[in-house]
Amino acid sequence: ETSNVEYAEFLVDVGDVVPSTWSGDTFPAGQEAYPVQGISFDMATDYCDWLGKRLPTEAEWEYVCRAGSVTEYYWGDEIGDNNCNCQDSGSKWSCKRASRVGSFAPNIFGVYDLVGNVWEWVEDHWHNNYEGAPADETAWTYGGNQQGRVVRGGSWDCSPKLARSASRARAVTSSRYDDFGFRIA
């Protein structure tokens, strides 16, 4: 997940409006450590372009999320208690708001917050299934719903079923829900 501090630097550099709750590099107490939220697909890709980076592909995202596991979540088949931030997860933020980046144990790759917290945009167009998907891990950016992109990982306000490693959802590229964020590949 990308932090508010990193994203604010981008906004200032491109001359965009920094959210009114921010004052230059000053954030409300502790907010700098939270993921960027309310971001559309275009906003996420603009930021990645500015960095010379990109969003992960859907295949890359799932590979990193699973971290070699074959279970529902990278820690096992049950949501458990306080492993992530989603409904019924035992998190103090569950159904309330995003949690600070790194509030839960990382997976074996050392990556934090892949499950719950905020839905994460990936490069791929939405397709109803994987029939015809690229055999390598490249983004599937042809065919399918070109105005719909894939989001992965679930959020603080979704059920554990939607926060599983294999779960995916479709979102319109202009969507800016308060539980949408992104990760850089």
N, C-alpha and C. Protein backbone atom coordinates (compact mmCIF):
# COMPACT_ATOMS: atom_id res chain seq x y z
N GLU A 1 0.84 -1.17 0.00
CA GLU A 1 0.00 0.00 0.00
C GLU A 1 0.88 1.23 0.00
N THR A 2 0.46 2.24 -0.70
CA THR A 2 1.20 3.48 -0.78
C THR A 2 0.76 4.41 0.34
N SER A 3 1.72 5.07 0.99
CA SER A 3 1.39 5.92 2.13
C SER A 3 1.00 7.33 1.69
N ASN A 4 0.34 8.04 2.60
CA ASN A 4 -0.09 9.41 2.34
C ASN A 4 1.08 10.34 2.06
N VAL A 5 2.20 10.19 2.76
CA VAL A 5 3.35 11.07 2.58
C VAL A 5 3.86 10.97 1.14
N GLU A 6 4.04 9.75 0.66
CA GLU A 6 4.53 9.56 -0.71
C GLU A 6 3.58 10.15 -1.73
N TYR A 7 2.30 9.93 -1.54
CA TYR A 7 1.31 10.43 -2.50
C TYR A 7 1.20 11.95 -2.45
N ALA A 8 1.34 12.56 -1.28
CA ALA A 8 1.28 14.02 -1.16
C ALA A 8 2.42 14.67 -1.92
N GLU A 9 3.61 14.07 -1.91
CA GLU A 9 4.74 14.60 -2.67
C GLU A 9 4.39 14.67 -4.15
N PHE A 10 3.74 13.63 -4.66
CA PHE A 10 3.30 13.59 -6.04
C PHE A 10 2.29 14.71 -6.32
N LEU A 11 1.29 14.87 -5.45
CA LEU A 11 0.27 15.89 -5.66
C LEU A 11 0.87 17.28 -5.72
N VAL A 12 1.80 17.57 -4.82
CA VAL A 12 2.45 18.88 -4.81
C VAL A 12 3.25 19.07 -6.08
N ASP A 13 3.98 18.04 -6.50
CA ASP A 13 4.83 18.14 -7.68
C ASP A 13 4.03 18.38 -8.96
N VAL A 14 2.87 17.76 -9.09
CA VAL A 14 2.06 17.94 -10.30
C VAL A 14 1.10 19.12 -10.18
N GLY A 15 1.13 19.83 -9.05
CA GLY A 15 0.30 21.01 -8.88
C GLY A 15 -1.16 20.70 -8.61
N ASP A 16 -1.41 19.51 -8.11
CA ASP A 16 -2.79 19.12 -7.80
C ASP A 16 -3.13 19.58 -6.39
N VAL A 17 -4.37 19.51 -6.05
CA VAL A 17 -4.84 19.93 -4.74
C VAL A 17 -4.54 18.86 -3.71
N VAL A 18 -3.88 19.23 -2.66
CA VAL A 18 -3.63 18.33 -1.54
C VAL A 18 -4.88 18.36 -0.67
N PRO A 19 -5.38 17.21 -0.23
CA PRO A 19 -6.60 17.19 0.58
C PRO A 19 -6.56 18.19 1.72
N SER A 20 -7.70 18.79 2.02
CA SER A 20 -7.77 19.87 3.00
C SER A 20 -7.35 19.45 4.40
N THR A 21 -7.38 18.15 4.68
CA THR A 21 -6.95 17.68 6.00
C THR A 21 -5.44 17.65 6.13
N TRP A 22 -4.74 17.87 5.00
CA TRP A 22 -3.29 17.90 5.01
C TRP A 22 -2.84 19.35 4.91
N SER A 23 -1.72 19.66 5.49
CA SER A 23 -1.16 21.00 5.39
C SER A 23 0.29 20.85 4.98
N GLY A 24 0.56 20.94 3.68
CA GLY A 24 1.90 20.70 3.18
C GLY A 24 2.31 19.29 3.50
N ASP A 25 3.38 19.13 4.25
CA ASP A 25 3.83 17.81 4.64
C ASP A 25 3.27 17.40 6.01
N THR A 26 2.36 18.21 6.55
CA THR A 26 1.82 17.92 7.87
C THR A 26 0.46 17.24 7.73
N PHE A 27 0.30 16.12 8.36
CA PHE A 27 -0.93 15.36 8.31
C PHE A 27 -1.57 15.37 9.69
N PRO A 28 -2.86 15.11 9.78
CA PRO A 28 -3.44 14.93 11.11
C PRO A 28 -2.63 13.88 11.86
N ALA A 29 -2.53 14.01 13.13
CA ALA A 29 -1.68 13.13 13.93
C ALA A 29 -1.78 11.67 13.53
N GLY A 30 -0.69 11.12 13.07
CA GLY A 30 -0.61 9.70 12.73
C GLY A 30 -1.12 9.33 11.35
N GLN A 31 -1.74 10.24 10.61
CA GLN A 31 -2.34 9.88 9.32
C GLN A 31 -1.31 9.58 8.24
N GLU A 32 -0.09 10.06 8.40
CA GLU A 32 0.92 9.80 7.39
C GLU A 32 1.22 8.32 7.22
N ALA A 33 0.93 7.52 8.21
CA ALA A 33 1.23 6.09 8.17
C ALA A 33 0.06 5.25 7.66
N TYR A 34 -0.99 5.90 7.16
CA TYR A 34 -2.14 5.18 6.64
C TYR A 34 -2.04 5.08 5.12
N PRO A 35 -2.69 4.08 4.54
CA PRO A 35 -2.64 3.96 3.07
C PRO A 35 -3.42 5.09 2.41
N VAL A 36 -3.01 5.44 1.21
CA VAL A 36 -3.78 6.38 0.40
C VAL A 36 -5.11 5.71 0.10
N GLN A 37 -6.18 6.47 0.22
CA GLN A 37 -7.52 5.93 0.00
C GLN A 37 -8.32 6.88 -0.88
N GLY A 38 -9.40 6.36 -1.48
CA GLY A 38 -10.25 7.18 -2.31
C GLY A 38 -9.61 7.49 -3.66
N ILE A 39 -8.83 6.56 -4.15
CA ILE A 39 -8.04 6.77 -5.37
C ILE A 39 -8.67 6.02 -6.53
N SER A 40 -8.86 6.71 -7.66
CA SER A 40 -9.35 6.06 -8.87
C SER A 40 -8.20 5.32 -9.55
N PHE A 41 -8.53 4.48 -10.50
CA PHE A 41 -7.51 3.76 -11.27
C PHE A 41 -6.58 4.76 -11.96
N ASP A 42 -7.14 5.80 -12.58
CA ASP A 42 -6.32 6.78 -13.29
C ASP A 42 -5.39 7.52 -12.35
N MET A 43 -5.87 7.86 -11.17
CA MET A 43 -5.01 8.54 -10.19
C MET A 43 -3.85 7.63 -9.78
N ALA A 44 -4.14 6.36 -9.59
CA ALA A 44 -3.09 5.40 -9.20
C ALA A 44 -2.07 5.24 -10.32
N THR A 45 -2.54 5.13 -11.57
CA THR A 45 -1.58 4.95 -12.67
C THR A 45 -0.80 6.24 -12.94
N ASP A 46 -1.42 7.41 -12.74
CA ASP A 46 -0.68 8.67 -12.89
C ASP A 46 0.47 8.73 -11.90
N TYR A 47 0.20 8.33 -10.67
CA TYR A 47 1.24 8.32 -9.65
C TYR A 47 2.36 7.34 -10.02
N CYS A 48 1.97 6.16 -10.46
CA CYS A 48 2.98 5.16 -10.87
C CYS A 48 3.82 5.69 -12.02
N ASP A 49 3.18 6.33 -13.01
CA ASP A 49 3.92 6.92 -14.13
C ASP A 49 4.92 7.97 -13.64
N TRP A 50 4.49 8.79 -12.69
CA TRP A 50 5.34 9.84 -12.12
C TRP A 50 6.59 9.23 -11.49
N LEU A 51 6.43 8.06 -10.88
CA LEU A 51 7.56 7.36 -10.26
C LEU A 51 8.37 6.54 -11.26
N GLY A 52 7.83 6.35 -12.48
CA GLY A 52 8.47 5.46 -13.44
C GLY A 52 8.22 4.00 -13.09
N LYS A 53 7.10 3.74 -12.44
CA LYS A 53 6.75 2.39 -12.00
C LYS A 53 5.38 2.03 -12.58
N ARG A 54 4.75 0.99 -12.06
CA ARG A 54 3.44 0.56 -12.53
C ARG A 54 2.70 -0.16 -11.42
N LEU A 55 1.41 -0.36 -11.67
CA LEU A 55 0.61 -1.19 -10.77
C LEU A 55 0.97 -2.65 -11.04
N PRO A 56 0.77 -3.53 -10.09
CA PRO A 56 1.01 -4.95 -10.36
C PRO A 56 -0.07 -5.51 -11.29
N THR A 57 0.27 -6.58 -11.97
CA THR A 57 -0.75 -7.31 -12.71
C THR A 57 -1.55 -8.13 -11.71
N GLU A 58 -2.68 -8.63 -12.16
CA GLU A 58 -3.49 -9.46 -11.26
C GLU A 58 -2.72 -10.71 -10.84
N ALA A 59 -2.01 -11.31 -11.79
CA ALA A 59 -1.23 -12.52 -11.48
C ALA A 59 -0.11 -12.22 -10.49
N GLU A 60 0.59 -11.13 -10.67
CA GLU A 60 1.65 -10.74 -9.74
C GLU A 60 1.09 -10.50 -8.34
N TRP A 61 -0.03 -9.78 -8.30
CA TRP A 61 -0.64 -9.47 -7.01
C TRP A 61 -0.97 -10.75 -6.25
N GLU A 62 -1.61 -11.71 -6.94
CA GLU A 62 -2.00 -12.94 -6.25
C GLU A 62 -0.78 -13.76 -5.84
N TYR A 63 0.24 -13.80 -6.69
CA TYR A 63 1.47 -14.53 -6.36
C TYR A 63 2.08 -13.99 -5.06
N VAL A 64 2.18 -12.67 -4.97
CA VAL A 64 2.77 -12.05 -3.78
C VAL A 64 1.86 -12.25 -2.58
N CYS A 65 0.55 -12.13 -2.77
CA CYS A 65 -0.38 -12.31 -1.66
C CYS A 65 -0.31 -13.73 -1.10
N ARG A 66 -0.31 -14.70 -1.97
CA ARG A 66 -0.28 -16.10 -1.52
C ARG A 66 1.06 -16.46 -0.88
N ALA A 67 2.13 -15.91 -1.37
CA ALA A 67 3.47 -16.17 -0.82
C ALA A 67 3.72 -17.67 -0.65
N GLY A 68 3.35 -18.44 -1.66
CA GLY A 68 3.60 -19.87 -1.64
C GLY A 68 2.51 -20.69 -0.97
N SER A 69 1.54 -20.05 -0.36
CA SER A 69 0.48 -20.79 0.32
C SER A 69 -0.57 -21.29 -0.68
N VAL A 70 -1.32 -22.28 -0.27
CA VAL A 70 -2.45 -22.78 -1.07
C VAL A 70 -3.74 -22.66 -0.26
N THR A 71 -3.70 -21.91 0.82
CA THR A 71 -4.84 -21.74 1.72
C THR A 71 -5.63 -20.48 1.34
N GLU A 72 -6.76 -20.31 2.00
CA GLU A 72 -7.62 -19.14 1.73
C GLU A 72 -6.90 -17.81 1.97
N TYR A 73 -6.11 -17.77 3.01
CA TYR A 73 -5.32 -16.59 3.38
C TYR A 73 -3.88 -17.05 3.51
N TYR A 74 -2.93 -16.17 3.43
CA TYR A 74 -1.54 -16.63 3.48
C TYR A 74 -1.16 -17.21 4.84
N TRP A 75 -1.98 -17.02 5.87
CA TRP A 75 -1.71 -17.60 7.19
C TRP A 75 -2.53 -18.86 7.47
N GLY A 76 -3.49 -19.21 6.60
CA GLY A 76 -4.31 -20.41 6.83
C GLY A 76 -5.68 -20.29 6.17
N ASP A 77 -6.57 -21.19 6.53
CA ASP A 77 -7.89 -21.22 5.91
C ASP A 77 -8.96 -20.43 6.66
N GLU A 78 -8.66 -19.95 7.84
CA GLU A 78 -9.63 -19.19 8.64
C GLU A 78 -9.13 -17.76 8.80
N ILE A 79 -10.06 -16.82 8.89
CA ILE A 79 -9.69 -15.42 9.07
C ILE A 79 -8.92 -15.21 10.37
N GLY A 80 -9.27 -16.00 11.40
CA GLY A 80 -8.57 -15.91 12.68
C GLY A 80 -8.83 -14.59 13.38
N ASP A 81 -7.98 -14.28 14.31
CA ASP A 81 -8.14 -13.08 15.11
C ASP A 81 -6.95 -12.14 14.92
N ASN A 82 -7.23 -10.96 14.43
CA ASN A 82 -6.23 -9.89 14.29
C ASN A 82 -5.11 -10.22 13.30
N ASN A 83 -5.45 -10.91 12.23
CA ASN A 83 -4.49 -11.17 11.14
C ASN A 83 -4.56 -10.12 10.05
N CYS A 84 -5.69 -9.41 9.97
CA CYS A 84 -5.90 -8.40 8.94
C CYS A 84 -7.04 -7.49 9.38
N ASN A 85 -7.40 -6.53 8.54
CA ASN A 85 -8.47 -5.60 8.84
C ASN A 85 -9.61 -5.78 7.85
N CYS A 86 -10.61 -6.57 8.24
CA CYS A 86 -11.86 -6.73 7.49
C CYS A 86 -12.94 -7.12 8.51
N GLN A 87 -14.16 -7.29 8.06
CA GLN A 87 -15.22 -7.69 8.98
C GLN A 87 -14.86 -8.99 9.70
N ASP A 88 -15.26 -9.10 10.93
CA ASP A 88 -15.08 -10.33 11.72
C ASP A 88 -13.63 -10.77 11.87
N SER A 89 -12.69 -9.84 11.76
CA SER A 89 -11.27 -10.19 11.83
C SER A 89 -10.66 -9.95 13.21
N GLY A 90 -11.42 -9.39 14.12
CA GLY A 90 -10.88 -9.09 15.44
C GLY A 90 -10.04 -7.83 15.48
N SER A 91 -9.94 -7.13 14.37
CA SER A 91 -9.17 -5.89 14.31
C SER A 91 -9.96 -4.76 14.96
N LYS A 92 -9.27 -3.88 15.65
CA LYS A 92 -9.96 -2.74 16.27
C LYS A 92 -10.47 -1.75 15.22
N TRP A 93 -10.02 -1.89 13.96
CA TRP A 93 -10.47 -1.01 12.89
C TRP A 93 -11.59 -1.63 12.04
N SER A 94 -11.87 -2.90 12.25
CA SER A 94 -12.86 -3.63 11.44
C SER A 94 -14.17 -2.87 11.31
N CYS A 95 -14.61 -2.70 10.07
CA CYS A 95 -15.87 -2.00 9.73
C CYS A 95 -15.87 -0.53 10.12
N LYS A 96 -14.70 0.03 10.45
CA LYS A 96 -14.63 1.44 10.86
C LYS A 96 -13.79 2.26 9.89
N ARG A 97 -12.56 1.79 9.63
CA ARG A 97 -11.64 2.56 8.78
C ARG A 97 -10.39 1.72 8.50
N ALA A 98 -9.56 2.26 7.63
CA ALA A 98 -8.30 1.59 7.33
C ALA A 98 -7.38 1.64 8.55
N SER A 99 -6.51 0.67 8.63
CA SER A 99 -5.53 0.62 9.71
C SER A 99 -4.19 1.16 9.20
N ARG A 100 -3.33 1.48 10.14
CA ARG A 100 -1.97 1.94 9.78
C ARG A 100 -1.28 0.88 8.95
N VAL A 101 -0.49 1.30 8.00
CA VAL A 101 0.28 0.37 7.19
C VAL A 101 1.21 -0.42 8.12
N GLY A 102 1.23 -1.74 7.96
CA GLY A 102 2.08 -2.60 8.76
C GLY A 102 1.52 -2.95 10.13
N SER A 103 0.22 -2.82 10.33
CA SER A 103 -0.39 -3.13 11.63
C SER A 103 -0.48 -4.63 11.90
N PHE A 104 -0.31 -5.45 10.88
CA PHE A 104 -0.45 -6.90 11.02
C PHE A 104 0.83 -7.56 10.51
N ALA A 105 1.02 -8.79 10.88
CA ALA A 105 2.23 -9.52 10.48
C ALA A 105 2.32 -9.63 8.96
N PRO A 106 3.52 -9.51 8.41
CA PRO A 106 3.69 -9.66 6.96
C PRO A 106 3.61 -11.13 6.55
N ASN A 107 3.46 -11.36 5.25
CA ASN A 107 3.53 -12.74 4.77
C ASN A 107 5.01 -13.17 4.71
N ILE A 108 5.29 -14.38 4.26
CA ILE A 108 6.68 -14.86 4.28
C ILE A 108 7.58 -14.11 3.30
N PHE A 109 7.00 -13.35 2.37
CA PHE A 109 7.79 -12.50 1.47
C PHE A 109 8.12 -11.17 2.14
N GLY A 110 7.56 -10.93 3.33
CA GLY A 110 7.80 -9.68 4.04
C GLY A 110 6.88 -8.55 3.58
N VAL A 111 5.77 -8.88 2.91
CA VAL A 111 4.86 -7.87 2.40
C VAL A 111 3.66 -7.75 3.36
N TYR A 112 3.31 -6.51 3.67
CA TYR A 112 2.24 -6.21 4.62
C TYR A 112 0.93 -5.89 3.91
N ASP A 113 -0.17 -6.13 4.62
CA ASP A 113 -1.49 -5.60 4.29
C ASP A 113 -2.04 -5.97 2.92
N LEU A 114 -1.74 -7.15 2.45
CA LEU A 114 -2.30 -7.59 1.17
C LEU A 114 -3.74 -8.03 1.30
N VAL A 115 -4.17 -8.37 2.48
CA VAL A 115 -5.53 -8.84 2.71
C VAL A 115 -6.22 -7.82 3.61
N GLY A 116 -7.38 -7.35 3.19
CA GLY A 116 -8.11 -6.36 3.97
C GLY A 116 -7.49 -4.98 3.84
N ASN A 117 -7.87 -4.09 4.68
CA ASN A 117 -7.44 -2.70 4.75
C ASN A 117 -8.01 -1.88 3.59
N VAL A 118 -7.45 -1.93 2.39
CA VAL A 118 -8.04 -1.25 1.23
C VAL A 118 -7.96 -2.17 0.01
N TRP A 119 -9.01 -2.12 -0.83
CA TRP A 119 -8.96 -2.80 -2.12
C TRP A 119 -7.81 -2.18 -2.90
N GLU A 120 -7.09 -3.00 -3.67
CA GLU A 120 -5.95 -2.49 -4.43
C GLU A 120 -6.18 -2.67 -5.93
N TRP A 121 -6.02 -1.56 -6.67
CA TRP A 121 -6.13 -1.60 -8.13
C TRP A 121 -4.99 -2.43 -8.71
N VAL A 122 -5.27 -3.19 -9.76
CA VAL A 122 -4.24 -3.86 -10.55
C VAL A 122 -4.43 -3.45 -12.01
N GLU A 123 -3.47 -3.73 -12.86
CA GLU A 123 -3.48 -3.29 -14.26
C GLU A 123 -4.58 -3.92 -15.11
N ASP A 124 -4.98 -5.13 -14.80
CA ASP A 124 -5.81 -5.92 -15.70
C ASP A 124 -7.22 -5.38 -15.92
N HIS A 125 -7.71 -5.50 -17.16
CA HIS A 125 -9.13 -5.28 -17.45
C HIS A 125 -9.92 -6.36 -16.74
N TRP A 126 -11.18 -6.08 -16.46
CA TRP A 126 -12.05 -7.08 -15.86
C TRP A 126 -12.47 -8.10 -16.91
N HIS A 127 -12.30 -9.36 -16.58
CA HIS A 127 -12.84 -10.49 -17.35
C HIS A 127 -13.59 -11.35 -16.33
N ASN A 128 -14.68 -11.95 -16.75
CA ASN A 128 -15.49 -12.74 -15.82
C ASN A 128 -14.78 -13.99 -15.31
N ASN A 129 -13.82 -14.48 -16.08
CA ASN A 129 -13.05 -15.66 -15.67
C ASN A 129 -11.66 -15.55 -16.31
N TYR A 130 -10.84 -16.57 -16.11
CA TYR A 130 -9.47 -16.52 -16.61
C TYR A 130 -9.30 -17.19 -17.98
N GLU A 131 -10.39 -17.58 -18.61
CA GLU A 131 -10.32 -18.23 -19.92
C GLU A 131 -9.72 -17.25 -20.94
N GLY A 132 -8.58 -17.62 -21.52
CA GLY A 132 -7.89 -16.77 -22.48
C GLY A 132 -6.89 -15.81 -21.87
N ALA A 133 -6.67 -15.90 -20.56
CA ALA A 133 -5.72 -15.02 -19.88
C ALA A 133 -4.30 -15.30 -20.36
N PRO A 134 -3.42 -14.31 -20.31
CA PRO A 134 -2.02 -14.54 -20.69
C PRO A 134 -1.41 -15.66 -19.85
N ALA A 135 -0.58 -16.48 -20.47
CA ALA A 135 0.06 -17.60 -19.78
C ALA A 135 1.20 -17.12 -18.87
N ASP A 136 1.76 -15.96 -19.19
CA ASP A 136 2.80 -15.41 -18.32
C ASP A 136 2.12 -14.44 -17.34
N GLU A 137 2.87 -13.67 -16.62
CA GLU A 137 2.27 -12.79 -15.61
C GLU A 137 2.02 -11.38 -16.13
N THR A 138 1.92 -11.21 -17.45
CA THR A 138 1.65 -9.88 -18.00
C THR A 138 0.20 -9.49 -17.73
N ALA A 139 -0.05 -8.19 -17.77
CA ALA A 139 -1.41 -7.67 -17.54
C ALA A 139 -2.30 -8.05 -18.72
N TRP A 140 -3.52 -8.38 -18.41
CA TRP A 140 -4.52 -8.74 -19.42
C TRP A 140 -5.30 -7.47 -19.74
N THR A 141 -4.75 -6.67 -20.64
CA THR A 141 -5.32 -5.35 -20.93
C THR A 141 -5.95 -5.30 -22.32
N TYR A 142 -6.41 -6.41 -22.81
CA TYR A 142 -7.16 -6.44 -24.06
C TYR A 142 -8.44 -7.22 -23.82
N GLY A 143 -9.48 -6.89 -24.57
CA GLY A 143 -10.76 -7.55 -24.39
C GLY A 143 -11.35 -7.24 -23.03
N GLY A 144 -12.33 -7.99 -22.66
CA GLY A 144 -12.96 -7.79 -21.36
C GLY A 144 -13.65 -6.45 -21.27
N ASN A 145 -13.85 -5.98 -20.08
CA ASN A 145 -14.51 -4.70 -19.82
C ASN A 145 -13.44 -3.64 -19.67
N GLN A 146 -13.26 -2.80 -20.69
CA GLN A 146 -12.17 -1.83 -20.68
C GLN A 146 -12.37 -0.70 -19.68
N GLN A 147 -13.61 -0.43 -19.28
CA GLN A 147 -13.87 0.58 -18.25
C GLN A 147 -13.87 -0.05 -16.86
N GLY A 148 -13.81 -1.37 -16.81
CA GLY A 148 -13.77 -2.07 -15.53
C GLY A 148 -12.38 -2.65 -15.31
N ARG A 149 -11.83 -2.39 -14.19
CA ARG A 149 -10.53 -2.96 -13.82
C ARG A 149 -10.72 -3.85 -12.61
N VAL A 150 -9.71 -4.62 -12.35
CA VAL A 150 -9.74 -5.55 -11.23
C VAL A 150 -9.18 -4.87 -9.98
N VAL A 151 -9.85 -5.10 -8.86
CA VAL A 151 -9.32 -4.72 -7.55
C VAL A 151 -9.18 -6.01 -6.75
N ARG A 152 -8.17 -6.05 -5.92
CA ARG A 152 -7.88 -7.26 -5.15
C ARG A 152 -7.70 -6.92 -3.68
N GLY A 153 -7.86 -7.94 -2.83
CA GLY A 153 -7.48 -7.85 -1.42
C GLY A 153 -8.56 -7.56 -0.42
N GLY A 154 -9.71 -7.08 -0.86
CA GLY A 154 -10.74 -6.74 0.12
C GLY A 154 -10.40 -5.47 0.87
N SER A 155 -11.22 -5.14 1.84
CA SER A 155 -10.99 -3.91 2.61
C SER A 155 -11.49 -4.06 4.04
N TRP A 156 -11.32 -2.98 4.79
CA TRP A 156 -11.76 -2.92 6.18
C TRP A 156 -13.26 -3.10 6.32
N ASP A 157 -14.00 -2.90 5.24
CA ASP A 157 -15.45 -2.94 5.30
C ASP A 157 -16.05 -4.12 4.53
N CYS A 158 -15.26 -5.13 4.22
CA CYS A 158 -15.79 -6.27 3.45
C CYS A 158 -15.74 -7.55 4.28
N SER A 159 -16.45 -8.54 3.80
CA SER A 159 -16.49 -9.83 4.49
C SER A 159 -15.16 -10.56 4.33
N PRO A 160 -14.85 -11.48 5.22
CA PRO A 160 -13.63 -12.28 5.08
C PRO A 160 -13.58 -13.02 3.74
N LYS A 161 -14.72 -13.43 3.21
CA LYS A 161 -14.75 -14.13 1.92
C LYS A 161 -14.16 -13.25 0.81
N LEU A 162 -14.40 -11.95 0.87
CA LEU A 162 -13.87 -11.04 -0.14
C LEU A 162 -12.41 -10.66 0.10
N ALA A 163 -11.89 -10.98 1.26
CA ALA A 163 -10.50 -10.66 1.58
C ALA A 163 -9.55 -11.84 1.35
N ARG A 164 -10.06 -12.93 0.80
CA ARG A 164 -9.21 -14.10 0.55
C ARG A 164 -8.18 -13.81 -0.55
N SER A 165 -7.12 -14.59 -0.58
CA SER A 165 -6.07 -14.44 -1.59
C SER A 165 -6.62 -14.53 -3.01
N ALA A 166 -7.63 -15.36 -3.23
CA ALA A 166 -8.16 -15.58 -4.58
C ALA A 166 -9.30 -14.63 -4.94
N SER A 167 -9.79 -13.87 -4.01
CA SER A 167 -10.95 -13.02 -4.27
C SER A 167 -10.57 -11.85 -5.17
N ARG A 168 -11.51 -11.49 -6.04
CA ARG A 168 -11.31 -10.37 -6.95
C ARG A 168 -12.65 -9.69 -7.17
N ALA A 169 -12.60 -8.42 -7.53
CA ALA A 169 -13.82 -7.67 -7.79
C ALA A 169 -13.58 -6.74 -8.97
N ARG A 170 -14.69 -6.27 -9.55
CA ARG A 170 -14.64 -5.34 -10.67
C ARG A 170 -14.99 -3.96 -10.18
N ALA A 171 -14.30 -2.96 -10.70
CA ALA A 171 -14.61 -1.57 -10.37
C ALA A 171 -14.43 -0.71 -11.62
N VAL A 172 -15.28 0.28 -11.76
CA VAL A 172 -15.16 1.25 -12.85
C VAL A 172 -13.92 2.09 -12.59
N THR A 173 -13.15 2.39 -13.62
CA THR A 173 -11.86 3.07 -13.45
C THR A 173 -11.96 4.43 -12.76
N SER A 174 -13.11 5.08 -12.85
CA SER A 174 -13.27 6.39 -12.21
C SER A 174 -13.71 6.29 -10.75
N SER A 175 -13.96 5.08 -10.25
CA SER A 175 -14.42 4.89 -8.87
C SER A 175 -13.38 5.40 -7.88
N ARG A 176 -13.86 6.12 -6.87
CA ARG A 176 -12.98 6.65 -5.83
C ARG A 176 -13.57 6.36 -4.46
N TYR A 177 -13.84 5.11 -4.20
CA TYR A 177 -14.40 4.73 -2.91
C TYR A 177 -13.38 4.92 -1.80
N ASP A 178 -13.87 5.17 -0.59
CA ASP A 178 -12.95 5.43 0.52
C ASP A 178 -12.17 4.20 0.95
N ASP A 179 -12.49 3.04 0.39
CA ASP A 179 -11.69 1.85 0.72
C ASP A 179 -10.94 1.33 -0.50
N PHE A 180 -10.66 2.22 -1.46
CA PHE A 180 -9.84 1.87 -2.65
C PHE A 180 -8.48 2.53 -2.52
N GLY A 181 -7.44 1.73 -2.74
CA GLY A 181 -6.08 2.22 -2.73
C GLY A 181 -5.28 1.50 -3.80
N PHE A 182 -3.99 1.41 -3.61
CA PHE A 182 -3.16 0.74 -4.61
C PHE A 182 -1.81 0.39 -4.01
N ARG A 183 -1.09 -0.40 -4.75
CA ARG A 183 0.26 -0.85 -4.40
C ARG A 183 1.09 -0.70 -5.66
N ILE A 184 2.35 -0.44 -5.51
CA ILE A 184 3.26 -0.29 -6.65
C ILE A 184 3.99 -1.61 -6.88
N ALA A 185 4.09 -2.00 -8.15
CA ALA A 185 4.79 -3.25 -8.48
C ALA A 185 6.28 -3.06 -8.31
